[in-house]
PDB file of N, CA and C in Angstrom:
ATOM      1  N   MET A   1      -7.083  -2.639  -4.531  1.00  0.00           N
ATOM      2  CA  MET A   1      -6.428  -2.966  -5.763  1.00  0.00           C
ATOM      3  C   MET A   1      -7.347  -2.713  -6.952  1.00  0.00           C
ATOM      4  N   ALA A   2      -8.642  -2.799  -6.728  1.00  0.00           N
ATOM      5  CA  ALA A   2      -9.586  -2.592  -7.817  1.00  0.00           C
ATOM      6  C   ALA A   2      -9.466  -1.195  -8.415  1.00  0.00           C
ATOM      7  N   LYS A   3      -9.259  -0.186  -7.576  1.00  0.00           N
ATOM      8  CA  LYS A   3      -9.130   1.188  -8.085  1.00  0.00           C
ATOM      9  C   LYS A   3      -7.864   1.341  -8.919  1.00  0.00           C
ATOM     10  N   THR A   4      -6.793   0.710  -8.503  1.00  0.00           N
ATOM     11  CA  THR A   4      -5.544   0.769  -9.278  1.00  0.00           C
ATOM     12  C   THR A   4      -5.727   0.061 -10.612  1.00  0.00           C
ATOM     13  N   LYS A   5      -6.385  -1.075 -10.606  1.00  0.00           N
ATOM     14  CA  LYS A   5      -6.661  -1.792 -11.856  1.00  0.00           C
ATOM     15  C   LYS A   5      -7.501  -0.935 -12.789  1.00  0.00           C
ATOM     16  N   SER A   6      -8.517  -0.274 -12.246  1.00  0.00           N
ATOM     17  CA  SER A   6      -9.376   0.584 -13.061  1.00  0.00           C
ATOM     18  C   SER A   6      -8.591   1.744 -13.661  1.00  0.00           C
ATOM     19  N   ALA A   7      -7.728   2.350 -12.863  1.00  0.00           N
ATOM     20  CA  ALA A   7      -6.918   3.471 -13.351  1.00  0.00           C
ATOM     21  C   ALA A   7      -5.984   3.008 -14.460  1.00  0.00           C
ATOM     22  N   LEU A   8      -5.373   1.857 -14.301  1.00  0.00           N
ATOM     23  CA  LEU A   8      -4.471   1.337 -15.330  1.00  0.00           C
ATOM     24  C   LEU A   8      -5.211   1.047 -16.632  1.00  0.00           C
ATOM     25  N   ALA A   9      -6.429   0.565 -16.524  1.00  0.00           N
ATOM     26  CA  ALA A   9      -7.221   0.242 -17.711  1.00  0.00           C
ATOM     27  C   ALA A   9      -7.549   1.495 -18.518  1.00  0.00           C
ATOM     28  N   LEU A  10      -7.553   2.657 -17.874  1.00  0.00           N
ATOM     29  CA  LEU A  10      -7.851   3.910 -18.573  1.00  0.00           C
ATOM     30  C   LEU A  10      -6.651   4.461 -19.346  1.00  0.00           C
ATOM     31  N   LEU A  11      -5.464   3.980 -19.027  1.00  0.00           N
ATOM     32  CA  LEU A  11      -4.255   4.489 -19.670  1.00  0.00           C
ATOM     33  C   LEU A  11      -4.051   3.846 -21.032  1.00  0.00           C
ATOM     34  N   SER A  12      -3.664   4.640 -22.003  1.00  0.00           N
ATOM     35  CA  SER A  12      -3.445   4.098 -23.347  1.00  0.00           C
ATOM     36  C   SER A  12      -2.000   3.672 -23.573  1.00  0.00           C
ATOM     37  N   GLY A  13      -1.114   4.070 -22.683  1.00  0.00           N
ATOM     38  CA  GLY A  13       0.299   3.745 -22.859  1.00  0.00           C
ATOM     39  C   GLY A  13       0.849   2.973 -21.681  1.00  0.00           C
ATOM     40  N   PRO A  14       2.168   2.825 -21.667  1.00  0.00           N
ATOM     41  CA  PRO A  14       2.810   2.084 -20.582  1.00  0.00           C
ATOM     42  C   PRO A  14       2.727   2.836 -19.251  1.00  0.00           C
ATOM     43  N   ALA A  15       2.815   2.079 -18.158  1.00  0.00           N
ATOM     44  CA  ALA A  15       2.727   2.669 -16.823  1.00  0.00           C
ATOM     45  C   ALA A  15       3.834   2.115 -15.935  1.00  0.00           C
ATOM     46  N   LEU A  16       4.371   2.984 -15.116  1.00  0.00           N
ATOM     47  CA  LEU A  16       5.341   2.618 -14.098  1.00  0.00           C
ATOM     48  C   LEU A  16       4.646   2.822 -12.756  1.00  0.00           C
ATOM     49  N   LEU A  17       4.530   1.771 -11.966  1.00  0.00           N
ATOM     50  CA  LEU A  17       3.841   1.876 -10.679  1.00  0.00           C
ATOM     51  C   LEU A  17       4.856   2.093  -9.568  1.00  0.00           C
ATOM     52  N   VAL A  18       4.532   3.014  -8.663  1.00  0.00           N
ATOM     53  CA  VAL A  18       5.393   3.320  -7.533  1.00  0.00           C
ATOM     54  C   VAL A  18       4.589   3.111  -6.259  1.00  0.00           C
ATOM     55  N   GLY A  19       5.165   2.371  -5.313  1.00  0.00           N
ATOM     56  CA  GLY A  19       4.464   2.115  -4.063  1.00  0.00           C
ATOM     57  C   GLY A  19       5.324   2.404  -2.857  1.00  0.00           C
ATOM     58  N   HIS A  20       4.699   2.950  -1.829  1.00  0.00           N
ATOM     59  CA  HIS A  20       5.343   3.223  -0.545  1.00  0.00           C
ATOM     60  C   HIS A  20       4.533   2.509   0.531  1.00  0.00           C
ATOM     61  N   SER A  21       5.211   1.952   1.504  1.00  0.00           N
ATOM     62  CA  SER A  21       4.553   1.303   2.623  1.00  0.00           C
ATOM     63  C   SER A  21       3.681   0.150   2.096  1.00  0.00           C
ATOM     64  N   TYR A  22       2.433   0.087   2.508  1.00  0.00           N
ATOM     65  CA  TYR A  22       1.534  -0.978   2.061  1.00  0.00           C
ATOM     66  C   TYR A  22       1.303  -0.932   0.550  1.00  0.00           C
ATOM     67  N   GLY A  23       1.560   0.222  -0.062  1.00  0.00           N
ATOM     68  CA  GLY A  23       1.409   0.346  -1.515  1.00  0.00           C
ATOM     69  C   GLY A  23       2.253  -0.658  -2.284  1.00  0.00           C
ATOM     70  N   GLY A  24       3.320  -1.141  -1.671  1.00  0.00           N
ATOM     71  CA  GLY A  24       4.124  -2.183  -2.305  1.00  0.00           C
ATOM     72  C   GLY A  24       3.325  -3.448  -2.569  1.00  0.00           C
ATOM     73  N   MET A  25       2.438  -3.776  -1.637  1.00  0.00           N
ATOM     74  CA  MET A  25       1.564  -4.938  -1.823  1.00  0.00           C
ATOM     75  C   MET A  25       0.613  -4.695  -2.991  1.00  0.00           C
ATOM     76  N   VAL A  26       0.091  -3.488  -3.074  1.00  0.00           N
ATOM     77  CA  VAL A  26      -0.872  -3.148  -4.127  1.00  0.00           C
ATOM     78  C   VAL A  26      -0.202  -3.212  -5.496  1.00  0.00           C
ATOM     79  N   ILE A  27       0.925  -2.528  -5.656  1.00  0.00           N
ATOM     80  CA  ILE A  27       1.534  -2.490  -6.987  1.00  0.00           C
ATOM     81  C   ILE A  27       2.069  -3.857  -7.406  1.00  0.00           C
ATOM     82  N   THR A  28       2.504  -4.662  -6.433  1.00  0.00           N
ATOM     83  CA  THR A  28       2.973  -5.999  -6.778  1.00  0.00           C
ATOM     84  C   THR A  28       1.812  -6.857  -7.258  1.00  0.00           C
ATOM     85  N   GLY A  29       0.690  -6.794  -6.539  1.00  0.00           N
ATOM     86  CA  GLY A  29      -0.477  -7.589  -6.922  1.00  0.00           C
ATOM     87  C   GLY A  29      -1.074  -7.175  -8.246  1.00  0.00           C
ATOM     88  N   VAL A  30      -1.176  -5.887  -8.470  1.00  0.00           N
ATOM     89  CA  VAL A  30      -1.790  -5.371  -9.692  1.00  0.00           C
ATOM     90  C   VAL A  30      -0.800  -5.394 -10.855  1.00  0.00           C
ATOM     91  N   GLY A  31       0.425  -4.982 -10.583  1.00  0.00           N
ATOM     92  CA  GLY A  31       1.415  -4.821 -11.643  1.00  0.00           C
ATOM     93  C   GLY A  31       1.812  -6.097 -12.350  1.00  0.00           C
ATOM     94  N   THR A  32       1.716  -7.207 -11.652  1.00  0.00           N
ATOM     95  CA  THR A  32       2.082  -8.464 -12.294  1.00  0.00           C
ATOM     96  C   THR A  32       0.991  -8.974 -13.233  1.00  0.00           C
ATOM     97  N   GLU A  33      -0.192  -8.380 -13.148  1.00  0.00           N
ATOM     98  CA  GLU A  33      -1.316  -8.814 -13.983  1.00  0.00           C
ATOM     99  C   GLU A  33      -1.638  -7.846 -15.124  1.00  0.00           C
ATOM    100  N   ALA A  34      -1.262  -6.589 -14.985  1.00  0.00           N
ATOM    101  CA  ALA A  34      -1.645  -5.568 -15.963  1.00  0.00           C
ATOM    102  C   ALA A  34      -0.657  -5.554 -17.131  1.00  0.00           C
ATOM    103  N   PRO A  35      -1.145  -5.684 -18.352  1.00  0.00           N
ATOM    104  CA  PRO A  35      -0.247  -5.762 -19.511  1.00  0.00           C
ATOM    105  C   PRO A  35       0.501  -4.466 -19.823  1.00  0.00           C
ATOM    106  N   ASN A  36      -0.006  -3.325 -19.359  1.00  0.00           N
ATOM    107  CA  ASN A  36       0.647  -2.059 -19.686  1.00  0.00           C
ATOM    108  C   ASN A  36       1.641  -1.592 -18.617  1.00  0.00           C
ATOM    109  N   VAL A  37       1.843  -2.386 -17.569  1.00  0.00           N
ATOM    110  CA  VAL A  37       2.812  -2.026 -16.530  1.00  0.00           C
ATOM    111  C   VAL A  37       4.201  -2.454 -16.990  1.00  0.00           C
ATOM    112  N   THR A  38       5.104  -1.475 -17.043  1.00  0.00           N
ATOM    113  CA  THR A  38       6.463  -1.753 -17.510  1.00  0.00           C
ATOM    114  C   THR A  38       7.450  -1.927 -16.366  1.00  0.00           C
ATOM    115  N   GLY A  39       7.056  -1.533 -15.156  1.00  0.00           N
ATOM    116  CA  GLY A  39       7.955  -1.702 -14.027  1.00  0.00           C
ATOM    117  C   GLY A  39       7.302  -1.316 -12.717  1.00  0.00           C
ATOM    118  N   LEU A  40       7.944  -1.750 -11.643  1.00  0.00           N
ATOM    119  CA  LEU A  40       7.486  -1.456 -10.297  1.00  0.00           C
ATOM    120  C   LEU A  40       8.626  -0.790  -9.538  1.00  0.00           C
ATOM    121  N   VAL A  41       8.314   0.255  -8.778  1.00  0.00           N
ATOM    122  CA  VAL A  41       9.287   0.922  -7.922  1.00  0.00           C
ATOM    123  C   VAL A  41       8.740   0.875  -6.504  1.00  0.00           C
ATOM    124  N   SER A  42       9.485   0.250  -5.610  1.00  0.00           N
ATOM    125  CA  SER A  42       9.070   0.150  -4.215  1.00  0.00           C
ATOM    126  C   SER A  42       9.973   1.030  -3.370  1.00  0.00           C
ATOM    127  N   ILE A  43       9.372   1.968  -2.647  1.00  0.00           N
ATOM    128  CA  ILE A  43      10.113   2.896  -1.797  1.00  0.00           C
ATOM    129  C   ILE A  43       9.682   2.659  -0.358  1.00  0.00           C
ATOM    130  N   ALA A  44      10.592   2.093   0.431  1.00  0.00           N
ATOM    131  CA  ALA A  44      10.266   1.748   1.820  1.00  0.00           C
ATOM    132  C   ALA A  44       8.919   1.032   1.870  1.00  0.00           C
ATOM    133  N   ALA A  45       8.781   0.034   1.014  1.00  0.00           N
ATOM    134  CA  ALA A  45       7.492  -0.622   0.826  1.00  0.00           C
ATOM    135  C   ALA A  45       7.510  -2.073   1.287  1.00  0.00           C
ATOM    136  N   THR A  46       6.335  -2.585   1.545  1.00  0.00           N
ATOM    137  CA  THR A  46       6.142  -3.995   1.835  1.00  0.00           C
ATOM    138  C   THR A  46       6.009  -4.714   0.490  1.00  0.00           C
ATOM    139  N   VAL A  47       6.960  -5.596   0.208  1.00  0.00           N
ATOM    140  CA  VAL A  47       6.953  -6.301  -1.072  1.00  0.00           C
ATOM    141  C   VAL A  47       6.864  -7.801  -0.783  1.00  0.00           C
ATOM    142  N   PRO A  48       5.797  -8.433  -1.229  1.00  0.00           N
ATOM    143  CA  PRO A  48       5.609  -9.851  -0.921  1.00  0.00           C
ATOM    144  C   PRO A  48       6.409 -10.764  -1.847  1.00  0.00           C
ATOM    145  N   ALA A  49       6.770 -11.921  -1.309  1.00  0.00           N
ATOM    146  CA  ALA A  49       7.284 -12.988  -2.162  1.00  0.00           C
ATOM    147  C   ALA A  49       6.074 -13.562  -2.908  1.00  0.00           C
ATOM    148  N   GLU A  50       6.316 -14.304  -3.950  1.00  0.00           N
ATOM    149  CA  GLU A  50       5.212 -14.863  -4.721  1.00  0.00           C
ATOM    150  C   GLU A  50       4.308 -15.690  -3.814  1.00  0.00           C
ATOM    151  N   GLY A  51       3.030 -15.368  -3.815  1.00  0.00           N
ATOM    152  CA  GLY A  51       2.035 -16.081  -3.030  1.00  0.00           C
ATOM    153  C   GLY A  51       1.945 -15.667  -1.574  1.00  0.00           C
ATOM    154  N   GLU A  52       2.800 -14.762  -1.125  1.00  0.00           N
ATOM    155  CA  GLU A  52       2.800 -14.330   0.271  1.00  0.00           C
ATOM    156  C   GLU A  52       1.704 -13.291   0.510  1.00  0.00           C
ATOM    157  N   THR A  53       1.026 -13.384   1.634  1.00  0.00           N
ATOM    158  CA  THR A  53      -0.036 -12.443   1.965  1.00  0.00           C
ATOM    159  C   THR A  53       0.481 -11.382   2.936  1.00  0.00           C
ATOM    160  N   VAL A  54      -0.246 -10.283   3.022  1.00  0.00           N
ATOM    161  CA  VAL A  54       0.131  -9.218   3.953  1.00  0.00           C
ATOM    162  C   VAL A  54       0.054  -9.710   5.394  1.00  0.00           C
ATOM    163  N   THR A  55      -0.885 -10.580   5.679  1.00  0.00           N
ATOM    164  CA  THR A  55      -1.013 -11.136   7.028  1.00  0.00           C
ATOM    165  C   THR A  55       0.227 -11.957   7.385  1.00  0.00           C
ATOM    166  N   GLU A  56       0.732 -12.726   6.439  1.00  0.00           N
ATOM    167  CA  GLU A  56       1.946 -13.510   6.689  1.00  0.00           C
ATOM    168  C   GLU A  56       3.158 -12.610   6.920  1.00  0.00           C
ATOM    169  N   ILE A  57       3.274 -11.557   6.112  1.00  0.00           N
ATOM    170  CA  ILE A  57       4.404 -10.638   6.257  1.00  0.00           C
ATOM    171  C   ILE A  57       4.365  -9.946   7.604  1.00  0.00           C
ATOM    172  N   TYR A  58       3.237  -9.312   7.917  1.00  0.00           N
ATOM    173  CA  TYR A  58       3.141  -8.545   9.156  1.00  0.00           C
ATOM    174  C   TYR A  58       3.129  -9.443  10.393  1.00  0.00           C
ATOM    175  N   GLY A  59       2.759 -10.702  10.234  1.00  0.00           N
ATOM    176  CA  GLY A  59       2.763 -11.639  11.349  1.00  0.00           C
ATOM    177  C   GLY A  59       4.162 -11.999  11.822  1.00  0.00           C
ATOM    178  N   LYS A  60       5.174 -11.675  11.035  1.00  0.00           N
ATOM    179  CA  LYS A  60       6.566 -11.984  11.397  1.00  0.00           C
ATOM    180  C   LYS A  60       7.149 -10.962  12.375  1.00  0.00           C
ATOM    181  N   PHE A  61       6.455  -9.847  12.581  1.00  0.00           N
ATOM    182  CA  PHE A  61       7.003  -8.746  13.370  1.00  0.00           C
ATOM    183  C   PHE A  61       5.994  -8.282  14.418  1.00  0.00           C
ATOM    184  N   PRO A  62       6.495  -7.645  15.492  1.00  0.00           N
ATOM    185  CA  PRO A  62       5.553  -7.046  16.455  1.00  0.00           C
ATOM    186  C   PRO A  62       4.750  -5.941  15.762  1.00  0.00           C
ATOM    187  N   LEU A  63       3.534  -5.706  16.223  1.00  0.00           N
ATOM    188  CA  LEU A  63       2.707  -4.662  15.629  1.00  0.00           C
ATOM    189  C   LEU A  63       3.323  -3.290  15.864  1.00  0.00           C
ATOM    190  N   SER A  64       3.424  -2.522  14.791  1.00  0.00           N
ATOM    191  CA  SER A  64       3.931  -1.151  14.887  1.00  0.00           C
ATOM    192  C   SER A  64       2.824  -0.252  15.431  1.00  0.00           C
ATOM    193  N   GLU A  65       3.193   0.983  15.773  1.00  0.00           N
ATOM    194  CA  GLU A  65       2.190   1.951  16.213  1.00  0.00           C
ATOM    195  C   GLU A  65       1.138   2.147  15.122  1.00  0.00           C
ATOM    196  N   GLY A  66       1.589   2.165  13.863  1.00  0.00           N
ATOM    197  CA  GLY A  66       0.659   2.339  12.752  1.00  0.00           C
ATOM    198  C   GLY A  66      -0.350   1.220  12.644  1.00  0.00           C
ATOM    199  N   MET A  67       0.121  -0.017  12.822  1.00  0.00           N
ATOM    200  CA  MET A  67      -0.796  -1.155  12.747  1.00  0.00           C
ATOM    201  C   MET A  67      -1.782  -1.140  13.914  1.00  0.00           C
ATOM    202  N   GLN A  68      -1.374  -0.581  15.046  1.00  0.00           N
ATOM    203  CA  GLN A  68      -2.256  -0.495  16.204  1.00  0.00           C
ATOM    204  C   GLN A  68      -3.217   0.678  16.099  1.00  0.00           C
ATOM    205  N   SER A  69      -2.998   1.553  15.131  1.00  0.00           N
ATOM    206  CA  SER A  69      -3.806   2.775  15.010  1.00  0.00           C
ATOM    207  C   SER A  69      -4.834   2.691  13.903  1.00  0.00           C
ATOM    208  N   GLY A  70      -5.100   1.507  13.405  1.00  0.00           N
ATOM    209  CA  GLY A  70      -6.093   1.344  12.355  1.00  0.00           C
ATOM    210  C   GLY A  70      -7.491   1.638  12.862  1.00  0.00           C
ATOM    211  N   ALA A  71      -8.309   2.207  12.010  1.00  0.00           N
ATOM    212  CA  ALA A  71      -9.701   2.511  12.352  1.00  0.00           C
ATOM    213  C   ALA A  71     -10.580   2.047  11.195  1.00  0.00           C
ATOM    214  N   PRO A  72     -11.776   1.558  11.483  1.00  0.00           N
ATOM    215  CA  PRO A  72     -12.661   1.098  10.400  1.00  0.00           C
ATOM    216  C   PRO A  72     -12.926   2.199   9.376  1.00  0.00           C
ATOM    217  N   SER A  73     -13.119   1.792   8.151  1.00  0.00           N
ATOM    218  CA  SER A  73     -13.397   2.708   7.053  1.00  0.00           C
ATOM    219  C   SER A  73     -14.799   2.459   6.516  1.00  0.00           C
ATOM    220  N   TYR A  74     -15.279   3.415   5.750  1.00  0.00           N
ATOM    221  CA  TYR A  74     -16.572   3.232   5.087  1.00  0.00           C
ATOM    222  C   TYR A  74     -16.460   2.261   3.912  1.00  0.00           C
ATOM    223  N   GLY A  75     -15.242   2.050   3.403  1.00  0.00           N
ATOM    224  CA  GLY A  75     -15.044   1.167   2.248  1.00  0.00           C
ATOM    225  C   GLY A  75     -14.776  -0.260   2.673  1.00  0.00           C
ATOM    226  N   GLU A  76     -15.272  -1.195   1.907  1.00  0.00           N
ATOM    227  CA  GLU A  76     -15.067  -2.606   2.198  1.00  0.00           C
ATOM    228  C   GLU A  76     -13.579  -2.954   2.090  1.00  0.00           C
ATOM    229  N   ASN A  77     -13.086  -3.744   3.010  1.00  0.00           N
ATOM    230  CA  ASN A  77     -11.700  -4.217   3.035  1.00  0.00           C
ATOM    231  C   ASN A  77     -10.687  -3.083   3.139  1.00  0.00           C
ATOM    232  N   THR A  78     -11.039  -1.990   3.760  1.00  0.00           N
ATOM    233  CA  THR A  78     -10.105  -0.887   3.936  1.00  0.00           C
ATOM    234  C   THR A  78     -10.148  -0.408   5.377  1.00  0.00           C
ATOM    235  N   VAL A  79      -9.045   0.176   5.796  1.00  0.00           N
ATOM    236  CA  VAL A  79      -8.971   0.804   7.111  1.00  0.00           C
ATOM    237  C   VAL A  79      -8.301   2.157   6.954  1.00  0.00           C
ATOM    238  N   TRP A  80      -8.477   2.999   7.936  1.00  0.00           N
ATOM    239  CA  TRP A  80      -7.844   4.300   7.988  1.00  0.00           C
ATOM    240  C   TRP A  80      -6.904   4.313   9.173  1.00  0.00           C
ATOM    241  N   ILE A  81      -5.910   5.187   9.136  1.00  0.00           N
ATOM    242  CA  ILE A  81      -5.130   5.450  10.334  1.00  0.00           C
ATOM    243  C   ILE A  81      -5.944   6.439  11.157  1.00  0.00           C
ATOM    244  N   ASN A  82      -6.101   6.152  12.438  1.00  0.00           N
ATOM    245  CA  ASN A  82      -6.839   7.041  13.317  1.00  0.00           C
ATOM    246  C   ASN A  82      -6.288   8.456  13.158  1.00  0.00           C
ATOM    247  N   PRO A  83      -7.123   9.444  12.858  1.00  0.00           N
ATOM    248  CA  PRO A  83      -6.637  10.811  12.632  1.00  0.00           C
ATOM    249  C   PRO A  83      -5.800  11.371  13.781  1.00  0.00           C
ATOM    250  N   ASP A  84      -6.122  10.983  15.017  1.00  0.00           N
ATOM    251  CA  ASP A  84      -5.349  11.470  16.160  1.00  0.00           C
ATOM    252  C   ASP A  84      -3.929  10.908  16.166  1.00  0.00           C
ATOM    253  N   ALA A  85      -3.712   9.768  15.544  1.00  0.00           N
ATOM    254  CA  ALA A  85      -2.401   9.133  15.529  1.00  0.00           C
ATOM    255  C   ALA A  85      -1.669   9.339  14.201  1.00  0.00           C
ATOM    256  N   PHE A  86      -2.346   9.927  13.217  1.00  0.00           N
ATOM    257  CA  PHE A  86      -1.798   9.984  11.853  1.00  0.00           C
ATOM    258  C   PHE A  86      -0.412  10.624  11.783  1.00  0.00           C
ATOM    259  N   HIS A  87      -0.229  11.793  12.367  1.00  0.00           N
ATOM    260  CA  HIS A  87       1.056  12.471  12.251  1.00  0.00           C
ATOM    261  C   HIS A  87       2.191  11.618  12.809  1.00  0.00           C
ATOM    262  N   GLY A  88       2.020  11.064  13.977  1.00  0.00           N
ATOM    263  CA  GLY A  88       3.070  10.257  14.587  1.00  0.00           C
ATOM    264  C   GLY A  88       3.351   8.978  13.833  1.00  0.00           C
ATOM    265  N   VAL A  89       2.338   8.402  13.224  1.00  0.00           N
ATOM    266  CA  VAL A  89       2.480   7.140  12.511  1.00  0.00           C
ATOM    267  C   VAL A  89       3.026   7.346  11.098  1.00  0.00           C
ATOM    268  N   PHE A  90       2.527   8.352  10.418  1.00  0.00           N
ATOM    269  CA  PHE A  90       2.812   8.468   8.989  1.00  0.00           C
ATOM    270  C   PHE A  90       3.727   9.625   8.634  1.00  0.00           C
ATOM    271  N   GLY A  91       3.882  10.590   9.505  1.00  0.00           N
ATOM    272  CA  GLY A  91       4.704  11.742   9.147  1.00  0.00           C
ATOM    273  C   GLY A  91       5.451  12.316  10.334  1.00  0.00           C
ATOM    274  N   ALA A  92       5.976  11.465  11.197  1.00  0.00           N
ATOM    275  CA  ALA A  92       6.614  11.944  12.424  1.00  0.00           C
ATOM    276  C   ALA A  92       7.813  12.845  12.157  1.00  0.00           C
ATOM    277  N   ASP A  93       8.419  12.713  10.990  1.00  0.00           N
ATOM    278  CA  ASP A  93       9.590  13.542  10.680  1.00  0.00           C
ATOM    279  C   ASP A  93       9.211  14.842   9.971  1.00  0.00           C
ATOM    280  N   ILE A  94       7.929  15.132   9.877  1.00  0.00           N
ATOM    281  CA  ILE A  94       7.446  16.340   9.206  1.00  0.00           C
ATOM    282  C   ILE A  94       6.862  17.290  10.251  1.00  0.00           C
ATOM    283  N   ASP A  95       7.221  18.551  10.168  1.00  0.00           N
ATOM    284  CA  ASP A  95       6.711  19.558  11.088  1.00  0.00           C
ATOM    285  C   ASP A  95       5.193  19.678  10.927  1.00  0.00           C
ATOM    286  N   PRO A  96       4.429  19.448  11.996  1.00  0.00           N
ATOM    287  CA  PRO A  96       2.959  19.522  11.877  1.00  0.00           C
ATOM    288  C   PRO A  96       2.439  20.949  11.716  1.00  0.00           C
ATOM    289  N   MET A  97       3.283  21.954  11.776  1.00  0.00           N
ATOM    290  CA  MET A  97       2.983  23.373  11.610  1.00  0.00           C
ATOM    291  C   MET A  97       2.426  23.935  12.856  1.00  0.00           C
TER     292      MET A  97
END
């Protein structure tokens, strides 16, 4: 969320945030605090109720293949989708070429 906050701070005008998947959590958390955000668009996104955490949301459902395919990242508090599982998890409807 820090990178999104930093990007918003660089903008001189209004911003519309769009989130997909976990991005819904990011834009909801950041967008409610940033004065230049005029709206949020969630597309097939995880959108929390006020005060709800991602752990609470995902704890309501069995783990998806994507959640089981997480791999540690070099960045603090971040994970990657295992590259071997990426296509099936994130783009199964797209021709891998």
